[in-house]
């Protein structure tokens, strides 16, 4: 018989997905290998990869390497000392977006606290290359907080993405436990400064639920984001990627 805790954490039907290992999925995976590109879909062990790759033929490109300098306790991306930057990566991403004929592309990146510019110049060049080859594709970027380097942020925003997405991830109380090398207030400031630099570019953020936050804390975080001129908010259920990561405390449906 399942314990009370197991019953609470049992995944509901609305969280279940279909495994689409069809031609779209295998073709997209082959292209990523041929182009030597990383996706957050694979590196973060995203449970939606089959739906996105197999049914929608969409992917989120992850640039600046596959190794992150941080070790957030919810994230499955490898951590450690990254390799040198691949200066040809921007062109390969642009080519892949063209081959996929994407109407919208999301470009995220590992945190590169080992670099003086936090990787912002290669990131900005990727946006420019994608724009050159795909003038009708909207570009959403999802960077780290660049270690609070606002010169790096200015470089990013000067590349004129269509959307600046930077995730706050969780509520203030849980931030030190969930992502120790980031801060709640630095995330808010990053979002606020993004809007100040390019007022016409929408800003976006995301909150994970299921880490033990209260509904009141979620509302407080939403208020904080809006007070810092965030235009778009998404809320998603946290799912534990492996046993070494934070456990799911609750399944939440708002």
Protein backbone atom coordinates (compact mmCIF):
# COMPACT_ATOMS: atom_id res chain seq x y z
CA UNK A 1 0.00 0.00 0.00
CA UNK A 2 1.32 3.45 -0.89
CA UNK A 3 2.12 5.80 1.95
CA UNK A 4 0.35 9.11 2.31
CA UNK A 5 3.43 10.94 1.00
CA UNK A 6 3.69 8.65 -2.04
CA UNK A 7 0.03 9.25 -2.84
CA UNK A 8 0.55 13.00 -2.73
CA UNK A 9 3.59 12.84 -5.02
CA UNK A 10 2.12 10.40 -7.53
CA UNK A 11 2.12 12.11 -10.92
CA UNK A 12 -1.39 13.07 -12.08
CA UNK A 13 -2.63 12.32 -15.59
CA UNK A 14 -2.03 15.89 -16.77
CA UNK A 15 1.71 15.44 -16.18
CA UNK A 16 1.98 12.29 -18.28
CA UNK A 17 3.48 12.54 -21.77
CA UNK A 18 3.70 10.48 -24.94
CA UNK A 19 7.06 9.20 -26.15
CA UNK A 20 7.30 10.39 -29.76
CA UNK A 21 10.44 8.68 -31.06
CA UNK A 22 9.34 9.29 -34.64
CA UNK A 23 11.21 10.66 -37.68
CA UNK A 24 10.99 14.21 -36.36
CA UNK A 25 12.63 13.17 -33.10
CA UNK A 26 15.38 11.04 -34.63
CA UNK A 27 16.02 13.54 -37.43
CA UNK A 28 16.38 16.44 -35.03
CA UNK A 29 18.69 14.46 -32.77
CA UNK A 30 20.85 13.52 -35.76
CA UNK A 31 21.09 17.14 -36.89
CA UNK A 32 22.15 18.30 -33.41
CA UNK A 33 24.93 15.70 -33.40
CA UNK A 34 26.08 16.61 -36.91
CA UNK A 35 26.18 20.33 -36.03
CA UNK A 36 27.85 19.57 -32.69
CA UNK A 37 25.19 21.57 -30.85
CA UNK A 38 23.77 21.23 -27.36
CA UNK A 39 20.15 21.57 -26.33
CA UNK A 40 18.80 22.18 -22.86
CA UNK A 41 16.20 19.55 -23.77
CA UNK A 42 18.87 16.84 -23.57
CA UNK A 43 21.36 18.30 -21.10
CA UNK A 44 18.73 19.17 -18.48
CA UNK A 45 16.86 15.89 -19.08
CA UNK A 46 13.65 17.73 -19.86
CA UNK A 47 10.64 15.37 -19.70
CA UNK A 48 8.96 17.26 -22.57
CA UNK A 49 11.68 16.45 -25.11
CA UNK A 50 9.61 13.84 -26.96
CA UNK A 51 6.64 16.17 -27.30
CA UNK A 52 8.76 19.12 -28.48
CA UNK A 53 11.08 17.18 -30.80
CA UNK A 54 8.66 14.53 -31.96
CA UNK A 55 5.36 16.41 -32.23
CA UNK A 56 6.25 20.10 -32.49
CA UNK A 57 9.76 19.89 -33.99
CA UNK A 58 11.03 22.61 -31.68
CA UNK A 59 14.14 22.76 -29.51
CA UNK A 60 15.88 25.13 -27.11
CA UNK A 61 19.50 25.62 -28.12
CA UNK A 62 22.04 25.72 -25.28
CA UNK A 63 25.20 27.61 -26.18
CA UNK A 64 28.59 28.37 -24.57
CA UNK A 65 29.25 24.66 -24.03
CA UNK A 66 27.62 21.82 -22.12
CA UNK A 67 29.25 22.36 -18.72
CA UNK A 68 27.95 24.97 -16.28
CA UNK A 69 30.07 26.71 -13.66
CA UNK A 70 27.21 26.53 -11.15
CA UNK A 71 25.46 23.61 -9.49
CA UNK A 72 21.82 24.55 -8.96
CA UNK A 73 20.11 21.76 -7.07
CA UNK A 74 17.17 21.46 -9.46
CA UNK A 75 19.18 21.32 -12.69
CA UNK A 76 20.65 18.27 -14.44
CA UNK A 77 23.13 20.16 -16.65
CA UNK A 78 26.72 19.04 -16.00
CA UNK A 79 28.79 21.24 -13.70
CA UNK A 80 32.52 21.79 -13.52
CA UNK A 81 35.23 23.62 -15.46
CA UNK A 82 33.98 24.30 -19.01
CA UNK A 83 35.98 24.04 -22.21
CA UNK A 84 37.07 27.03 -24.27
CA UNK A 85 34.36 28.81 -26.22
CA UNK A 86 33.56 27.58 -29.72
CA UNK A 87 33.60 30.74 -31.85
CA UNK A 88 31.91 28.93 -34.75
CA UNK A 89 28.90 27.99 -32.65
CA UNK A 90 26.83 31.09 -33.55
CA UNK A 91 26.91 30.23 -37.25
CA UNK A 92 25.97 26.59 -36.62
CA UNK A 93 23.01 27.61 -34.50
CA UNK A 94 21.86 30.00 -37.24
CA UNK A 95 22.15 27.25 -39.86
CA UNK A 96 20.16 24.84 -37.71
CA UNK A 97 17.37 27.36 -37.14
CA UNK A 98 17.19 27.80 -40.91
CA UNK A 99 17.12 24.04 -41.55
CA UNK A 100 14.33 23.60 -39.00
CA UNK A 101 12.42 26.53 -40.51
CA UNK A 102 11.59 27.81 -37.03
CA UNK A 103 9.14 30.65 -36.49
CA UNK A 104 10.42 31.09 -32.93
CA UNK A 105 13.69 30.01 -31.36
CA UNK A 106 14.83 29.97 -27.74
CA UNK A 107 18.56 30.29 -27.09
CA UNK A 108 19.74 29.59 -23.56
CA UNK A 109 23.26 29.11 -22.20
CA UNK A 110 25.17 27.59 -19.34
CA UNK A 111 26.52 30.03 -16.76
CA UNK A 112 30.11 30.95 -17.63
CA UNK A 113 31.41 32.57 -14.46
CA UNK A 114 34.91 31.60 -15.63
CA UNK A 115 34.83 34.17 -18.44
CA UNK A 116 35.50 37.88 -18.08
CA UNK A 117 32.44 38.77 -20.18
CA UNK A 118 30.36 35.81 -18.92
CA UNK A 119 30.08 34.68 -22.55
CA UNK A 120 27.99 37.69 -23.53
CA UNK A 121 29.88 38.49 -26.74
CA UNK A 122 29.43 35.01 -28.23
CA UNK A 123 25.82 35.02 -27.02
CA UNK A 124 25.14 38.34 -28.75
CA UNK A 125 26.89 37.13 -31.91
CA UNK A 126 24.61 34.08 -31.92
CA UNK A 127 21.55 36.33 -31.86
CA UNK A 128 22.94 38.41 -34.73
CA UNK A 129 23.81 35.36 -36.85
CA UNK A 130 20.37 33.82 -36.32
CA UNK A 131 18.77 37.14 -37.30
CA UNK A 132 20.86 37.44 -40.46
CA UNK A 133 19.89 33.99 -41.75
CA UNK A 134 16.36 33.96 -40.36
CA UNK A 135 14.93 37.50 -40.51
CA UNK A 136 11.35 36.34 -39.85
CA UNK A 137 12.18 34.13 -36.86
CA UNK A 138 11.50 35.61 -33.43
CA UNK A 139 14.39 35.13 -31.01
CA UNK A 140 14.02 34.57 -27.28
CA UNK A 141 17.14 34.49 -25.13
CA UNK A 142 17.36 32.85 -21.72
CA UNK A 143 20.69 33.86 -20.14
CA UNK A 144 22.11 33.40 -16.66
CA UNK A 145 22.43 36.48 -14.46
CA UNK A 146 25.93 37.00 -15.93
CA UNK A 147 27.26 37.11 -12.38
CA UNK A 148 25.71 40.54 -11.96
CA UNK A 149 27.90 41.97 -14.75
CA UNK A 150 25.67 44.63 -16.25
CA UNK A 151 28.14 45.46 -19.01
CA UNK A 152 27.57 41.88 -20.17
CA UNK A 153 23.82 42.43 -19.98
CA UNK A 154 24.16 45.59 -22.05
CA UNK A 155 26.06 43.59 -24.71
CA UNK A 156 23.25 41.04 -24.78
CA UNK A 157 20.45 43.57 -25.03
CA UNK A 158 22.27 45.47 -27.79
CA UNK A 159 21.85 42.37 -29.98
CA UNK A 160 18.10 43.11 -29.93
CA UNK A 161 16.43 39.77 -29.13
CA UNK A 162 12.66 39.74 -29.40
CA UNK A 163 12.24 38.51 -25.81
CA UNK A 164 14.57 38.59 -22.79
CA UNK A 165 13.79 35.65 -20.52
CA UNK A 166 15.50 35.27 -17.16
CA UNK A 167 14.02 32.85 -14.65
CA UNK A 168 13.61 33.67 -10.99
CA UNK A 169 12.97 29.91 -10.52
CA UNK A 170 11.60 29.95 -6.96
CA UNK A 171 10.44 32.14 -4.09
CA UNK A 172 12.75 34.30 -1.99
CA UNK A 173 12.85 31.95 1.02
CA UNK A 174 13.92 28.93 -1.02
CA UNK A 175 16.43 30.62 -3.34
CA UNK A 176 19.56 29.99 -1.18
CA UNK A 177 18.78 26.26 -1.05
CA UNK A 178 17.66 25.88 -4.67
CA UNK A 179 20.35 27.96 -6.42
CA UNK A 180 23.03 28.99 -3.98
CA UNK A 181 25.18 30.95 -6.45
CA UNK A 182 22.36 33.22 -7.54
CA UNK A 183 20.30 35.65 -5.51
CA UNK A 184 16.63 36.57 -5.63
CA UNK A 185 17.31 40.30 -5.69
CA UNK A 186 20.00 40.04 -8.37
CA UNK A 187 17.51 38.26 -10.60
CA UNK A 188 14.98 41.05 -10.11
CA UNK A 189 17.63 43.68 -10.82
CA UNK A 190 18.75 41.82 -13.96
CA UNK A 191 15.18 41.87 -15.26
CA UNK A 192 14.65 45.50 -14.32
CA UNK A 193 17.86 46.64 -16.00
CA UNK A 194 17.02 44.64 -19.12
CA UNK A 195 13.83 46.66 -19.48
CA UNK A 196 15.67 49.92 -18.81
CA UNK A 197 18.22 49.15 -21.53
CA UNK A 198 15.64 48.22 -24.19
CA UNK A 199 12.16 49.33 -23.04
CA UNK A 200 10.42 47.94 -26.13
CA UNK A 201 11.73 44.38 -25.66
CA UNK A 202 9.37 42.22 -23.55
CA UNK A 203 10.87 40.65 -20.44
CA UNK A 204 9.85 37.23 -19.20
CA UNK A 205 10.46 35.02 -16.18
CA UNK A 206 9.41 31.67 -14.76
CA UNK A 207 8.64 30.13 -11.39
CA UNK A 208 8.88 26.42 -10.52
CA UNK A 209 6.31 25.08 -8.06
CA UNK A 210 6.63 21.92 -6.03
CA UNK A 211 9.69 22.80 -3.93
CA UNK A 212 7.79 23.55 -0.73
CA UNK A 213 6.71 27.12 -1.41
CA UNK A 214 3.35 28.44 -0.20
CA UNK A 215 0.70 29.99 -2.42
CA UNK A 216 1.26 33.29 -0.60
CA UNK A 217 4.97 33.16 -1.51
CA UNK A 218 4.09 32.52 -5.15
CA UNK A 219 1.85 35.60 -5.16
CA UNK A 220 4.63 37.64 -3.50
CA UNK A 221 7.08 36.55 -6.20
CA UNK A 222 4.58 37.46 -8.90
CA UNK A 223 4.20 40.90 -7.32
CA UNK A 224 7.99 41.33 -7.17
CA UNK A 225 8.33 40.44 -10.85
CA UNK A 226 5.61 42.84 -11.89
CA UNK A 227 7.14 45.60 -9.75
CA UNK A 228 10.31 45.15 -11.82
CA UNK A 229 8.47 45.53 -15.14
CA UNK A 230 8.36 41.86 -16.14
CA UNK A 231 5.83 41.44 -18.95
CA UNK A 232 5.42 37.66 -19.21
CA UNK A 233 5.32 34.98 -16.51
CA UNK A 234 5.21 31.19 -16.84
CA UNK A 235 4.71 28.78 -13.95
CA UNK A 236 5.72 25.12 -14.19
CA UNK A 237 5.77 22.04 -12.01
CA UNK A 238 9.23 21.03 -10.74
CA UNK A 239 10.15 17.42 -11.51
CA UNK A 240 13.22 15.82 -9.92
CA UNK A 241 15.71 14.94 -12.71
CA UNK A 242 17.70 12.44 -10.61
CA UNK A 243 18.03 11.15 -7.06
CA UNK A 244 20.81 13.60 -6.27
CA UNK A 245 18.60 16.60 -6.99
CA UNK A 246 16.02 18.24 -4.74
CA UNK A 247 12.96 16.12 -4.08
CA UNK A 248 9.51 17.16 -5.24
CA UNK A 249 7.62 18.37 -2.19
CA UNK A 250 4.21 18.71 -3.78
CA UNK A 251 2.36 18.52 -7.09
CA UNK A 252 0.71 21.89 -7.63
CA UNK A 253 -2.03 22.85 -10.03
CA UNK A 254 -2.84 26.55 -9.87
